[in-house]
PDB file of all heavy atoms in Angstrom:
ATOM      1  N   ASP A   1       4.945 -13.602  16.723  1.00  0.00           N
ATOM      2  CA  ASP A   1       4.327 -13.876  15.448  1.00  0.00           C
ATOM      3  C   ASP A   1       3.174 -12.937  15.116  1.00  0.00           C
ATOM      4  O   ASP A   1       3.043 -12.414  13.990  1.00  0.00           O
ATOM      5  CB  ASP A   1       3.797 -15.325  15.410  1.00  0.00           C
ATOM      6  CG  ASP A   1       4.784 -16.411  15.514  1.00  0.00           C
ATOM      7  OD1 ASP A   1       5.919 -16.164  15.011  1.00  0.00           O
ATOM      8  OD2 ASP A   1       4.546 -17.443  16.188  1.00  0.00           O
ATOM      9  N   ARG A   2       2.351 -12.625  16.154  1.00  0.00           N
ATOM     10  CA  ARG A   2       1.263 -11.706  15.974  1.00  0.00           C
ATOM     11  C   ARG A   2       1.731 -10.301  15.632  1.00  0.00           C
ATOM     12  O   ARG A   2       1.210  -9.625  14.734  1.00  0.00           O
ATOM     13  CB  ARG A   2       0.461 -11.677  17.233  1.00  0.00           C
ATOM     14  CG  ARG A   2      -0.252 -13.022  17.613  1.00  0.00           C
ATOM     15  CD  ARG A   2      -0.969 -12.926  18.968  1.00  0.00           C
ATOM     16  NE  ARG A   2      -1.511 -14.208  19.317  1.00  0.00           N
ATOM     17  CZ  ARG A   2      -2.706 -14.650  18.891  1.00  0.00           C
ATOM     18  NH1 ARG A   2      -3.413 -13.910  18.064  1.00  0.00           N
ATOM     19  NH2 ARG A   2      -3.134 -15.879  19.234  1.00  0.00           N
ATOM     20  N   ILE A   3       2.786  -9.870  16.370  1.00  0.00           N
ATOM     21  CA  ILE A   3       3.345  -8.537  16.052  1.00  0.00           C
ATOM     22  C   ILE A   3       3.921  -8.512  14.614  1.00  0.00           C
ATOM     23  O   ILE A   3       3.757  -7.534  13.903  1.00  0.00           O
ATOM     24  CB  ILE A   3       4.475  -8.219  17.070  1.00  0.00           C
ATOM     25  CG1 ILE A   3       3.846  -8.081  18.468  1.00  0.00           C
ATOM     26  CG2 ILE A   3       5.204  -6.948  16.667  1.00  0.00           C
ATOM     27  CD1 ILE A   3       4.857  -7.900  19.559  1.00  0.00           C
ATOM     28  N   ALA A   4       4.612  -9.578  14.217  1.00  0.00           N
ATOM     29  CA  ALA A   4       5.190  -9.621  12.861  1.00  0.00           C
ATOM     30  C   ALA A   4       4.133  -9.606  11.801  1.00  0.00           C
ATOM     31  O   ALA A   4       4.281  -8.914  10.772  1.00  0.00           O
ATOM     32  CB  ALA A   4       6.067 -10.864  12.698  1.00  0.00           C
ATOM     33  N   ILE A   5       3.012 -10.329  12.010  1.00  0.00           N
ATOM     34  CA  ILE A   5       1.881 -10.289  11.041  1.00  0.00           C
ATOM     35  C   ILE A   5       1.395  -8.897  10.880  1.00  0.00           C
ATOM     36  O   ILE A   5       1.227  -8.379   9.757  1.00  0.00           O
ATOM     37  CB  ILE A   5       0.717 -11.264  11.494  1.00  0.00           C
ATOM     38  CG1 ILE A   5       1.220 -12.694  11.432  1.00  0.00           C
ATOM     39  CG2 ILE A   5      -0.448 -11.035  10.666  1.00  0.00           C
ATOM     40  CD1 ILE A   5       0.218 -13.675  12.101  1.00  0.00           C
ATOM     41  N   ASP A   6       1.104  -8.218  12.001  1.00  0.00           N
ATOM     42  CA  ASP A   6       0.562  -6.834  11.925  1.00  0.00           C
ATOM     43  C   ASP A   6       1.585  -5.888  11.271  1.00  0.00           C
ATOM     44  O   ASP A   6       1.200  -5.105  10.418  1.00  0.00           O
ATOM     45  CB  ASP A   6       0.229  -6.368  13.355  1.00  0.00           C
ATOM     46  CG  ASP A   6      -1.030  -7.002  13.892  1.00  0.00           C
ATOM     47  OD1 ASP A   6      -1.592  -7.881  13.206  1.00  0.00           O
ATOM     48  OD2 ASP A   6      -1.481  -6.694  14.969  1.00  0.00           O
ATOM     49  N   ASN A   7       2.832  -5.925  11.676  1.00  0.00           N
ATOM     50  CA  ASN A   7       3.804  -5.006  11.107  1.00  0.00           C
ATOM     51  C   ASN A   7       4.071  -5.244   9.621  1.00  0.00           C
ATOM     52  O   ASN A   7       4.157  -4.284   8.844  1.00  0.00           O
ATOM     53  CB  ASN A   7       5.130  -5.137  11.900  1.00  0.00           C
ATOM     54  CG  ASN A   7       5.050  -4.597  13.285  1.00  0.00           C
ATOM     55  OD1 ASN A   7       4.112  -3.835  13.603  1.00  0.00           O
ATOM     56  ND2 ASN A   7       6.031  -4.892  14.140  1.00  0.00           N
ATOM     57  N   ASN A   8       4.107  -6.488   9.246  1.00  0.00           N
ATOM     58  CA  ASN A   8       4.262  -6.795   7.780  1.00  0.00           C
ATOM     59  C   ASN A   8       3.034  -6.303   6.992  1.00  0.00           C
ATOM     60  O   ASN A   8       3.184  -5.768   5.895  1.00  0.00           O
ATOM     61  CB  ASN A   8       4.492  -8.321   7.572  1.00  0.00           C
ATOM     62  CG  ASN A   8       5.896  -8.743   7.905  1.00  0.00           C
ATOM     63  OD1 ASN A   8       6.822  -7.967   7.768  1.00  0.00           O
ATOM     64  ND2 ASN A   8       6.022 -10.005   8.321  1.00  0.00           N
ATOM     65  N   SER A   9       1.860  -6.497   7.566  1.00  0.00           N
ATOM     66  CA  SER A   9       0.596  -6.102   6.905  1.00  0.00           C
ATOM     67  C   SER A   9       0.604  -4.577   6.726  1.00  0.00           C
ATOM     68  O   SER A   9       0.255  -4.069   5.662  1.00  0.00           O
ATOM     69  CB  SER A   9      -0.569  -6.586   7.650  1.00  0.00           C
ATOM     70  OG  SER A   9      -0.581  -8.055   7.786  1.00  0.00           O
ATOM     71  N   ILE A  10       0.934  -3.875   7.766  1.00  0.00           N
ATOM     72  CA  ILE A  10       0.897  -2.411   7.731  1.00  0.00           C
ATOM     73  C   ILE A  10       1.924  -1.921   6.764  1.00  0.00           C
ATOM     74  O   ILE A  10       1.685  -0.996   5.912  1.00  0.00           O
ATOM     75  CB  ILE A  10       1.157  -1.822   9.157  1.00  0.00           C
ATOM     76  CG1 ILE A  10      -0.076  -2.089  10.037  1.00  0.00           C
ATOM     77  CG2 ILE A  10       1.418  -0.319   9.076  1.00  0.00           C
ATOM     78  CD1 ILE A  10       0.188  -1.758  11.529  1.00  0.00           C
ATOM     79  N   HIS A  11       3.126  -2.453   6.778  1.00  0.00           N
ATOM     80  CA  HIS A  11       4.169  -2.047   5.888  1.00  0.00           C
ATOM     81  C   HIS A  11       3.756  -2.252   4.443  1.00  0.00           C
ATOM     82  O   HIS A  11       3.946  -1.385   3.571  1.00  0.00           O
ATOM     83  CB  HIS A  11       5.491  -2.808   6.189  1.00  0.00           C
ATOM     84  CG  HIS A  11       6.618  -2.532   5.210  1.00  0.00           C
ATOM     85  ND1 HIS A  11       7.335  -1.330   5.303  1.00  0.00           N
ATOM     86  CD2 HIS A  11       7.129  -3.205   4.178  1.00  0.00           C
ATOM     87  CE1 HIS A  11       8.255  -1.357   4.348  1.00  0.00           C
ATOM     88  NE2 HIS A  11       8.107  -2.448   3.601  1.00  0.00           N
ATOM     89  N   THR A  12       3.277  -3.433   4.113  1.00  0.00           N
ATOM     90  CA  THR A  12       2.841  -3.758   2.765  1.00  0.00           C
ATOM     91  C   THR A  12       1.709  -2.857   2.320  1.00  0.00           C
ATOM     92  O   THR A  12       1.686  -2.295   1.188  1.00  0.00           O
ATOM     93  CB  THR A  12       2.419  -5.215   2.652  1.00  0.00           C
ATOM     94  OG1 THR A  12       3.554  -6.055   3.007  1.00  0.00           O
ATOM     95  CG2 THR A  12       1.981  -5.556   1.223  1.00  0.00           C
ATOM     96  N   THR A  13       0.701  -2.603   3.196  1.00  0.00           N
ATOM     97  CA  THR A  13      -0.402  -1.788   2.855  1.00  0.00           C
ATOM     98  C   THR A  13       0.013  -0.362   2.495  1.00  0.00           C
ATOM     99  O   THR A  13      -0.599   0.268   1.574  1.00  0.00           O
ATOM    100  CB  THR A  13      -1.391  -1.717   4.071  1.00  0.00           C
ATOM    101  OG1 THR A  13      -1.857  -3.016   4.379  1.00  0.00           O
ATOM    102  CG2 THR A  13      -2.593  -0.790   3.750  1.00  0.00           C
ATOM    103  N   THR A  14       1.010   0.144   3.128  1.00  0.00           N
ATOM    104  CA  THR A  14       1.377   1.571   2.946  1.00  0.00           C
ATOM    105  C   THR A  14       2.545   1.800   2.012  1.00  0.00           C
ATOM    106  O   THR A  14       2.890   2.965   1.736  1.00  0.00           O
ATOM    107  CB  THR A  14       1.722   2.227   4.326  1.00  0.00           C
ATOM    108  OG1 THR A  14       2.765   1.419   4.936  1.00  0.00           O
ATOM    109  CG2 THR A  14       0.525   2.257   5.206  1.00  0.00           C
ATOM    110  N   THR A  15       3.106   0.695   1.471  1.00  0.00           N
ATOM    111  CA  THR A  15       4.336   0.886   0.602  1.00  0.00           C
ATOM    112  C   THR A  15       4.194   0.205  -0.749  1.00  0.00           C
ATOM    113  O   THR A  15       4.923   0.592  -1.653  1.00  0.00           O
ATOM    114  CB  THR A  15       5.594   0.337   1.319  1.00  0.00           C
ATOM    115  OG1 THR A  15       5.389  -1.100   1.555  1.00  0.00           O
ATOM    116  CG2 THR A  15       5.819   1.043   2.624  1.00  0.00           C
ATOM    117  N   TRP A  16       3.327  -0.813  -0.945  1.00  0.00           N
ATOM    118  CA  TRP A  16       3.370  -1.553  -2.177  1.00  0.00           C
ATOM    119  C   TRP A  16       3.190  -0.700  -3.432  1.00  0.00           C
ATOM    120  O   TRP A  16       3.801  -0.859  -4.446  1.00  0.00           O
ATOM    121  CB  TRP A  16       2.275  -2.744  -2.137  1.00  0.00           C
ATOM    122  CG  TRP A  16       0.918  -2.231  -2.427  1.00  0.00           C
ATOM    123  CD1 TRP A  16       0.011  -1.816  -1.435  1.00  0.00           C
ATOM    124  CD2 TRP A  16       0.226  -2.113  -3.669  1.00  0.00           C
ATOM    125  NE1 TRP A  16      -1.181  -1.386  -2.043  1.00  0.00           N
ATOM    126  CE2 TRP A  16      -1.074  -1.609  -3.353  1.00  0.00           C
ATOM    127  CE3 TRP A  16       0.613  -2.382  -4.971  1.00  0.00           C
ATOM    128  CZ2 TRP A  16      -2.018  -1.371  -4.359  1.00  0.00           C
ATOM    129  CZ3 TRP A  16      -0.327  -2.159  -5.988  1.00  0.00           C
ATOM    130  CH2 TRP A  16      -1.623  -1.640  -5.674  1.00  0.00           C
ATOM    131  N   TYR A  17       2.300   0.329  -3.256  1.00  0.00           N
ATOM    132  CA  TYR A  17       2.039   1.202  -4.411  1.00  0.00           C
ATOM    133  C   TYR A  17       3.101   2.226  -4.701  1.00  0.00           C
ATOM    134  O   TYR A  17       3.031   2.959  -5.683  1.00  0.00           O
ATOM    135  CB  TYR A  17       0.637   1.858  -4.215  1.00  0.00           C
ATOM    136  CG  TYR A  17       0.528   2.638  -2.880  1.00  0.00           C
ATOM    137  CD1 TYR A  17       1.071   3.898  -2.724  1.00  0.00           C
ATOM    138  CD2 TYR A  17      -0.114   2.062  -1.796  1.00  0.00           C
ATOM    139  CE1 TYR A  17       0.941   4.632  -1.584  1.00  0.00           C
ATOM    140  CE2 TYR A  17      -0.221   2.749  -0.575  1.00  0.00           C
ATOM    141  CZ  TYR A  17       0.356   4.012  -0.513  1.00  0.00           C
ATOM    142  OH  TYR A  17       0.213   4.701   0.690  1.00  0.00           O
ATOM    143  N   ASN A  18       4.084   2.328  -3.843  1.00  0.00           N
ATOM    144  CA  ASN A  18       5.202   3.293  -4.080  1.00  0.00           C
ATOM    145  C   ASN A  18       6.460   2.619  -4.581  1.00  0.00           C
ATOM    146  O   ASN A  18       7.479   3.273  -4.702  1.00  0.00           O
ATOM    147  CB  ASN A  18       5.466   4.054  -2.798  1.00  0.00           C
ATOM    148  CG  ASN A  18       4.584   5.256  -2.609  1.00  0.00           C
ATOM    149  OD1 ASN A  18       4.254   5.949  -3.566  1.00  0.00           O
ATOM    150  ND2 ASN A  18       4.137   5.513  -1.383  1.00  0.00           N
ATOM    151  N   ILE A  19       6.413   1.366  -4.821  1.00  0.00           N
ATOM    152  CA  ILE A  19       7.541   0.653  -5.390  1.00  0.00           C
ATOM    153  C   ILE A  19       7.841   1.280  -6.764  1.00  0.00           C
ATOM    154  O   ILE A  19       6.867   1.377  -7.527  1.00  0.00           O
ATOM    155  CB  ILE A  19       7.285  -0.915  -5.533  1.00  0.00           C
ATOM    156  CG1 ILE A  19       6.949  -1.458  -4.178  1.00  0.00           C
ATOM    157  CG2 ILE A  19       8.523  -1.582  -6.120  1.00  0.00           C
ATOM    158  CD1 ILE A  19       8.039  -1.372  -3.118  1.00  0.00           C
ATOM    159  N   PRO A  20       9.060   1.693  -7.053  1.00  0.00           N
ATOM    160  CA  PRO A  20       9.359   2.450  -8.306  1.00  0.00           C
ATOM    161  C   PRO A  20       8.769   1.876  -9.599  1.00  0.00           C
ATOM    162  O   PRO A  20       8.138   2.581 -10.380  1.00  0.00           O
ATOM    163  CB  PRO A  20      10.864   2.514  -8.302  1.00  0.00           C
ATOM    164  CG  PRO A  20      11.297   2.439  -6.947  1.00  0.00           C
ATOM    165  CD  PRO A  20      10.302   1.570  -6.230  1.00  0.00           C
ATOM    166  N   GLU A  21       8.912   0.605  -9.815  1.00  0.00           N
ATOM    167  CA  GLU A  21       8.396  -0.047 -11.057  1.00  0.00           C
ATOM    168  C   GLU A  21       6.901  -0.091 -11.073  1.00  0.00           C
ATOM    169  O   GLU A  21       6.312  -0.421 -12.142  1.00  0.00           O
ATOM    170  CB  GLU A  21       9.045  -1.402 -11.237  1.00  0.00           C
ATOM    171  CG  GLU A  21       8.777  -2.408 -10.190  1.00  0.00           C
ATOM    172  CD  GLU A  21       9.913  -2.489  -9.104  1.00  0.00           C
ATOM    173  OE1 GLU A  21      10.467  -1.399  -8.805  1.00  0.00           O
ATOM    174  OE2 GLU A  21      10.133  -3.558  -8.585  1.00  0.00           O
ATOM    175  N   ILE A  22       6.249   0.104  -9.913  1.00  0.00           N
ATOM    176  CA  ILE A  22       4.777  -0.007  -9.874  1.00  0.00           C
ATOM    177  C   ILE A  22       4.136   1.395  -9.816  1.00  0.00           C
ATOM    178  O   ILE A  22       3.062   1.621 -10.422  1.00  0.00           O
ATOM    179  CB  ILE A  22       4.440  -0.825  -8.661  1.00  0.00           C
ATOM    180  CG1 ILE A  22       4.795  -2.250  -8.789  1.00  0.00           C
ATOM    181  CG2 ILE A  22       2.853  -0.732  -8.349  1.00  0.00           C
ATOM    182  CD1 ILE A  22       4.601  -3.134  -7.556  1.00  0.00           C
ATOM    183  N   LYS A  23       4.753   2.340  -9.126  1.00  0.00           N
ATOM    184  CA  LYS A  23       4.185   3.623  -8.820  1.00  0.00           C
ATOM    185  C   LYS A  23       3.749   4.351 -10.109  1.00  0.00           C
ATOM    186  O   LYS A  23       2.647   4.931 -10.101  1.00  0.00           O
ATOM    187  CB  LYS A  23       5.190   4.468  -8.090  1.00  0.00           C
ATOM    188  CG  LYS A  23       4.721   5.842  -7.683  1.00  0.00           C
ATOM    189  CD  LYS A  23       5.762   6.570  -6.925  1.00  0.00           C
ATOM    190  CE  LYS A  23       5.284   7.980  -6.540  1.00  0.00           C
ATOM    191  NZ  LYS A  23       6.309   8.705  -5.705  1.00  0.00           N
ATOM    192  N   ASN A  24       4.539   4.363 -11.186  1.00  0.00           N
ATOM    193  CA  ASN A  24       4.201   5.121 -12.375  1.00  0.00           C
ATOM    194  C   ASN A  24       2.902   4.700 -13.014  1.00  0.00           C
ATOM    195  O   ASN A  24       2.233   5.485 -13.713  1.00  0.00           O
ATOM    196  CB  ASN A  24       5.307   5.073 -13.350  1.00  0.00           C
ATOM    197  CG  ASN A  24       6.569   5.803 -12.906  1.00  0.00           C
ATOM    198  OD1 ASN A  24       6.477   6.680 -12.050  1.00  0.00           O
ATOM    199  ND2 ASN A  24       7.739   5.395 -13.412  1.00  0.00           N
ATOM    200  N   PHE A  25       2.492   3.435 -12.802  1.00  0.00           N
ATOM    201  CA  PHE A  25       1.219   2.981 -13.379  1.00  0.00           C
ATOM    202  C   PHE A  25       0.028   3.479 -12.605  1.00  0.00           C
ATOM    203  O   PHE A  25      -1.106   3.400 -13.100  1.00  0.00           O
ATOM    204  CB  PHE A  25       1.213   1.425 -13.338  1.00  0.00           C
ATOM    205  CG  PHE A  25       2.190   0.788 -14.329  1.00  0.00           C
ATOM    206  CD1 PHE A  25       3.379   0.251 -13.879  1.00  0.00           C
ATOM    207  CD2 PHE A  25       1.875   0.729 -15.662  1.00  0.00           C
ATOM    208  CE1 PHE A  25       4.219  -0.381 -14.749  1.00  0.00           C
ATOM    209  CE2 PHE A  25       2.753   0.151 -16.585  1.00  0.00           C
ATOM    210  CZ  PHE A  25       3.963  -0.431 -16.054  1.00  0.00           C
ATOM    211  N   LEU A  26       0.194   3.973 -11.347  1.00  0.00           N
ATOM    212  CA  LEU A  26      -0.856   4.270 -10.512  1.00  0.00           C
ATOM    213  C   LEU A  26      -1.149   5.771 -10.297  1.00  0.00           C
ATOM    214  O   LEU A  26      -2.092   6.083  -9.550  1.00  0.00           O
ATOM    215  CB  LEU A  26      -0.653   3.589  -9.104  1.00  0.00           C
ATOM    216  CG  LEU A  26      -0.561   2.068  -9.097  1.00  0.00           C
ATOM    217  CD1 LEU A  26      -0.183   1.529  -7.733  1.00  0.00           C
ATOM    218  CD2 LEU A  26      -1.926   1.473  -9.578  1.00  0.00           C
ATOM    219  N   ILE A  27      -0.304   6.648 -10.810  1.00  0.00           N
ATOM    220  CA  ILE A  27      -0.526   8.059 -10.633  1.00  0.00           C
ATOM    221  C   ILE A  27      -1.542   8.587 -11.600  1.00  0.00           C
ATOM    222  O   ILE A  27      -1.481   8.443 -12.792  1.00  0.00           O
ATOM    223  CB  ILE A  27       0.852   8.840 -10.794  1.00  0.00           C
ATOM    224  CG1 ILE A  27       1.893   8.313  -9.831  1.00  0.00           C
ATOM    225  CG2 ILE A  27       0.585  10.305 -10.586  1.00  0.00           C
ATOM    226  CD1 ILE A  27       1.550   8.460  -8.394  1.00  0.00           C
ATOM    227  N   PHE A  28      -2.551   9.295 -11.028  1.00  0.00           N
ATOM    228  CA  PHE A  28      -3.566   9.913 -11.821  1.00  0.00           C
ATOM    229  C   PHE A  28      -3.914  11.262 -11.145  1.00  0.00           C
ATOM    230  O   PHE A  28      -4.253  11.278  -9.968  1.00  0.00           O
ATOM    231  CB  PHE A  28      -4.845   9.068 -11.930  1.00  0.00           C
ATOM    232  CG  PHE A  28      -5.928   9.674 -12.791  1.00  0.00           C
ATOM    233  CD1 PHE A  28      -5.768   9.704 -14.151  1.00  0.00           C
ATOM    234  CD2 PHE A  28      -7.040  10.221 -12.221  1.00  0.00           C
ATOM    235  CE1 PHE A  28      -6.759  10.274 -14.960  1.00  0.00           C
ATOM    236  CE2 PHE A  28      -8.010  10.839 -13.023  1.00  0.00           C
ATOM    237  CZ  PHE A  28      -7.875  10.822 -14.371  1.00  0.00           C
ATOM    238  N   GLU A  29      -3.812  12.372 -11.891  1.00  0.00           N
ATOM    239  CA  GLU A  29      -4.070  13.663 -11.391  1.00  0.00           C
ATOM    240  C   GLU A  29      -3.215  13.892 -10.108  1.00  0.00           C
ATOM    241  O   GLU A  29      -3.752  14.497  -9.109  1.00  0.00           O
ATOM    242  CB  GLU A  29      -5.566  13.838 -11.104  1.00  0.00           C
ATOM    243  CG  GLU A  29      -6.426  13.808 -12.306  1.00  0.00           C
ATOM    244  CD  GLU A  29      -6.473  15.067 -13.092  1.00  0.00           C
ATOM    245  OE1 GLU A  29      -6.447  16.165 -12.462  1.00  0.00           O
ATOM    246  OE2 GLU A  29      -6.490  15.083 -14.373  1.00  0.00           O
ATOM    247  N   GLU A  30      -1.972  13.410 -10.116  1.00  0.00           N
ATOM    248  CA  GLU A  30      -1.057  13.642  -9.013  1.00  0.00           C
ATOM    249  C   GLU A  30      -1.448  12.815  -7.778  1.00  0.00           C
ATOM    250  O   GLU A  30      -0.870  13.028  -6.738  1.00  0.00           O
ATOM    251  CB  GLU A  30      -0.874  15.094  -8.670  1.00  0.00           C
ATOM    252  CG  GLU A  30      -0.375  15.944  -9.833  1.00  0.00           C
ATOM    253  CD  GLU A  30      -0.282  17.451  -9.421  1.00  0.00           C
ATOM    254  OE1 GLU A  30      -0.031  17.713  -8.244  1.00  0.00           O
ATOM    255  OE2 GLU A  30      -0.438  18.281 -10.279  1.00  0.00           O
ATOM    256  N   ILE A  31      -2.435  11.912  -7.894  1.00  0.00           N
ATOM    257  CA  ILE A  31      -2.845  11.084  -6.801  1.00  0.00           C
ATOM    258  C   ILE A  31      -2.430   9.659  -7.064  1.00  0.00           C
ATOM    259  O   ILE A  31      -2.652   9.136  -8.166  1.00  0.00           O
ATOM    260  CB  ILE A  31      -4.387  11.146  -6.615  1.00  0.00           C
ATOM    261  CG1 ILE A  31      -4.808  12.605  -6.291  1.00  0.00           C
ATOM    262  CG2 ILE A  31      -4.850  10.179  -5.519  1.00  0.00           C
ATOM    263  CD1 ILE A  31      -6.299  12.724  -6.253  1.00  0.00           C
ATOM    264  N   ASN A  32      -1.784   9.014  -6.096  1.00  0.00           N
ATOM    265  CA  ASN A  32      -1.486   7.603  -6.219  1.00  0.00           C
ATOM    266  C   ASN A  32      -2.703   6.741  -5.822  1.00  0.00           C
ATOM    267  O   ASN A  32      -3.178   6.831  -4.692  1.00  0.00           O
ATOM    268  CB  ASN A  32      -0.368   7.223  -5.304  1.00  0.00           C
ATOM    269  CG  ASN A  32       0.225   5.786  -5.575  1.00  0.00           C
ATOM    270  OD1 ASN A  32      -0.540   4.900  -5.716  1.00  0.00           O
ATOM    271  ND2 ASN A  32       1.539   5.695  -5.639  1.00  0.00           N
ATOM    272  N   LEU A  33      -3.332   6.101  -6.806  1.00  0.00           N
ATOM    273  CA  LEU A  33      -4.532   5.388  -6.658  1.00  0.00           C
ATOM    274  C   LEU A  33      -4.441   4.325  -5.520  1.00  0.00           C
ATOM    275  O   LEU A  33      -5.465   4.045  -4.850  1.00  0.00           O
ATOM    276  CB  LEU A  33      -5.027   4.767  -7.912  1.00  0.00           C
ATOM    277  CG  LEU A  33      -5.264   5.742  -9.062  1.00  0.00           C
ATOM    278  CD1 LEU A  33      -5.639   4.968 -10.339  1.00  0.00           C
ATOM    279  CD2 LEU A  33      -6.346   6.768  -8.741  1.00  0.00           C
ATOM    280  N   GLY A  34      -3.284   3.777  -5.391  1.00  0.00           N
ATOM    281  CA  GLY A  34      -3.090   2.708  -4.359  1.00  0.00           C
ATOM    282  C   GLY A  34      -3.263   3.240  -2.965  1.00  0.00           C
ATOM    283  O   GLY A  34      -3.639   2.485  -2.045  1.00  0.00           O
ATOM    284  N   SER A  35      -2.967   4.543  -2.723  1.00  0.00           N
ATOM    285  CA  SER A  35      -3.087   5.069  -1.380  1.00  0.00           C
ATOM    286  C   SER A  35      -4.518   5.287  -0.920  1.00  0.00           C
ATOM    287  O   SER A  35      -4.831   5.538   0.251  1.00  0.00           O
ATOM    288  CB  SER A  35      -2.345   6.433  -1.363  1.00  0.00           C
ATOM    289  OG  SER A  35      -3.025   7.416  -2.100  1.00  0.00           O
ATOM    290  N   LEU A  36      -5.494   5.229  -1.884  1.00  0.00           N
ATOM    291  CA  LEU A  36      -6.863   5.566  -1.568  1.00  0.00           C
ATOM    292  C   LEU A  36      -7.604   4.427  -0.845  1.00  0.00           C
ATOM    293  O   LEU A  36      -8.666   4.660  -0.191  1.00  0.00           O
ATOM    294  CB  LEU A  36      -7.655   5.903  -2.817  1.00  0.00           C
ATOM    295  CG  LEU A  36      -7.114   7.111  -3.630  1.00  0.00           C
ATOM    296  CD1 LEU A  36      -7.847   7.233  -4.968  1.00  0.00           C
ATOM    297  CD2 LEU A  36      -7.226   8.396  -2.810  1.00  0.00           C
ATOM    298  N   ILE A  37      -7.092   3.179  -0.924  1.00  0.00           N
ATOM    299  CA  ILE A  37      -7.850   2.081  -0.354  1.00  0.00           C
ATOM    300  C   ILE A  37      -7.060   1.416   0.771  1.00  0.00           C
ATOM    301  O   ILE A  37      -7.218   0.191   1.041  1.00  0.00           O
ATOM    302  CB  ILE A  37      -8.282   1.045  -1.399  1.00  0.00           C
ATOM    303  CG1 ILE A  37      -6.982   0.556  -2.241  1.00  0.00           C
ATOM    304  CG2 ILE A  37      -9.268   1.682  -2.363  1.00  0.00           C
ATOM    305  CD1 ILE A  37      -7.399  -0.548  -3.199  1.00  0.00           C
ATOM    306  N   GLU A  38      -6.175   2.109   1.418  1.00  0.00           N
ATOM    307  CA  GLU A  38      -5.320   1.527   2.518  1.00  0.00           C
ATOM    308  C   GLU A  38      -6.197   0.987   3.626  1.00  0.00           C
ATOM    309  O   GLU A  38      -5.919  -0.126   4.149  1.00  0.00           O
ATOM    310  CB  GLU A  38      -4.436   2.586   3.078  1.00  0.00           C
ATOM    311  CG  GLU A  38      -3.275   2.973   2.195  1.00  0.00           C
ATOM    312  CD  GLU A  38      -2.390   4.001   2.859  1.00  0.00           C
ATOM    313  OE1 GLU A  38      -2.911   4.713   3.800  1.00  0.00           O
ATOM    314  OE2 GLU A  38      -1.237   4.159   2.447  1.00  0.00           O
ATOM    315  N   MET A  39      -7.293   1.651   4.017  1.00  0.00           N
ATOM    316  CA  MET A  39      -8.077   1.213   5.146  1.00  0.00           C
ATOM    317  C   MET A  39      -8.618  -0.221   4.916  1.00  0.00           C
ATOM    318  O   MET A  39      -8.582  -1.072   5.834  1.00  0.00           O
ATOM    319  CB  MET A  39      -9.269   2.169   5.371  1.00  0.00           C
ATOM    320  CG  MET A  39     -10.171   1.787   6.565  1.00  0.00           C
ATOM    321  SD  MET A  39     -11.395   2.994   6.928  1.00  0.00           S
ATOM    322  CE  MET A  39     -12.464   2.821   5.469  1.00  0.00           C
ATOM    323  N   GLU A  40      -9.052  -0.506   3.686  1.00  0.00           N
ATOM    324  CA  GLU A  40      -9.588  -1.830   3.460  1.00  0.00           C
ATOM    325  C   GLU A  40      -8.548  -2.855   3.157  1.00  0.00           C
ATOM    326  O   GLU A  40      -8.625  -4.009   3.490  1.00  0.00           O
ATOM    327  CB  GLU A  40     -10.567  -1.731   2.211  1.00  0.00           C
ATOM    328  CG  GLU A  40     -11.859  -0.950   2.485  1.00  0.00           C
ATOM    329  CD  GLU A  40     -12.690  -0.917   1.306  1.00  0.00           C
ATOM    330  OE1 GLU A  40     -13.428  -1.938   1.046  1.00  0.00           O
ATOM    331  OE2 GLU A  40     -12.704   0.080   0.547  1.00  0.00           O
ATOM    332  N   LEU A  41      -7.436  -2.379   2.473  1.00  0.00           N
ATOM    333  CA  LEU A  41      -6.385  -3.373   2.158  1.00  0.00           C
ATOM    334  C   LEU A  41      -5.660  -3.899   3.386  1.00  0.00           C
ATOM    335  O   LEU A  41      -5.147  -5.025   3.355  1.00  0.00           O
ATOM    336  CB  LEU A  41      -5.324  -2.718   1.237  1.00  0.00           C
ATOM    337  CG  LEU A  41      -5.725  -2.623  -0.263  1.00  0.00           C
ATOM    338  CD1 LEU A  41      -4.603  -1.984  -1.063  1.00  0.00           C
ATOM    339  CD2 LEU A  41      -6.089  -3.975  -0.827  1.00  0.00           C
ATOM    340  N   LEU A  42      -5.648  -3.167   4.457  1.00  0.00           N
ATOM    341  CA  LEU A  42      -5.004  -3.640   5.654  1.00  0.00           C
ATOM    342  C   LEU A  42      -5.580  -4.992   6.111  1.00  0.00           C
ATOM    343  O   LEU A  42      -4.916  -5.947   6.377  1.00  0.00           O
ATOM    344  CB  LEU A  42      -5.111  -2.624   6.825  1.00  0.00           C
ATOM    345  CG  LEU A  42      -4.544  -3.118   8.162  1.00  0.00           C
ATOM    346  CD1 LEU A  42      -3.008  -3.424   8.017  1.00  0.00           C
ATOM    347  CD2 LEU A  42      -4.774  -2.135   9.269  1.00  0.00           C
ATOM    348  N   GLN A  43      -6.939  -5.041   6.134  1.00  0.00           N
ATOM    349  CA  GLN A  43      -7.601  -6.285   6.549  1.00  0.00           C
ATOM    350  C   GLN A  43      -7.314  -7.417   5.525  1.00  0.00           C
ATOM    351  O   GLN A  43      -7.142  -8.538   5.900  1.00  0.00           O
ATOM    352  CB  GLN A  43      -9.085  -6.055   6.623  1.00  0.00           C
ATOM    353  CG  GLN A  43      -9.504  -5.069   7.749  1.00  0.00           C
ATOM    354  CD  GLN A  43     -10.963  -4.802   7.774  1.00  0.00           C
ATOM    355  OE1 GLN A  43     -11.747  -5.542   7.244  1.00  0.00           O
ATOM    356  NE2 GLN A  43     -11.308  -3.665   8.346  1.00  0.00           N
ATOM    357  N   PHE A  44      -7.267  -7.073   4.258  1.00  0.00           N
ATOM    358  CA  PHE A  44      -6.935  -8.062   3.211  1.00  0.00           C
ATOM    359  C   PHE A  44      -5.531  -8.666   3.450  1.00  0.00           C
ATOM    360  O   PHE A  44      -5.370  -9.861   3.392  1.00  0.00           O
ATOM    361  CB  PHE A  44      -6.992  -7.350   1.880  1.00  0.00           C
ATOM    362  CG  PHE A  44      -6.773  -8.225   0.690  1.00  0.00           C
ATOM    363  CD1 PHE A  44      -7.829  -8.909   0.096  1.00  0.00           C
ATOM    364  CD2 PHE A  44      -5.485  -8.443   0.152  1.00  0.00           C
ATOM    365  CE1 PHE A  44      -7.598  -9.744  -1.034  1.00  0.00           C
ATOM    366  CE2 PHE A  44      -5.292  -9.242  -0.946  1.00  0.00           C
ATOM    367  CZ  PHE A  44      -6.329  -9.890  -1.525  1.00  0.00           C
TER     368      PHE A  44
END
C-alpha cells in the first residue's frame, strides 16, 4: 500500500499537466507551468 501511494503520487505529480486536453491551457513561453511546482505538489 505504501509503495502504491508513493508511485501513484509521483506519477500524478509528473504527468497531470501533460494530459492532452489540459496541457494547452498551461503552456506559456514554451514552458509548461504545471512542471514548475512538482516539488511541492508531490507532498500535496
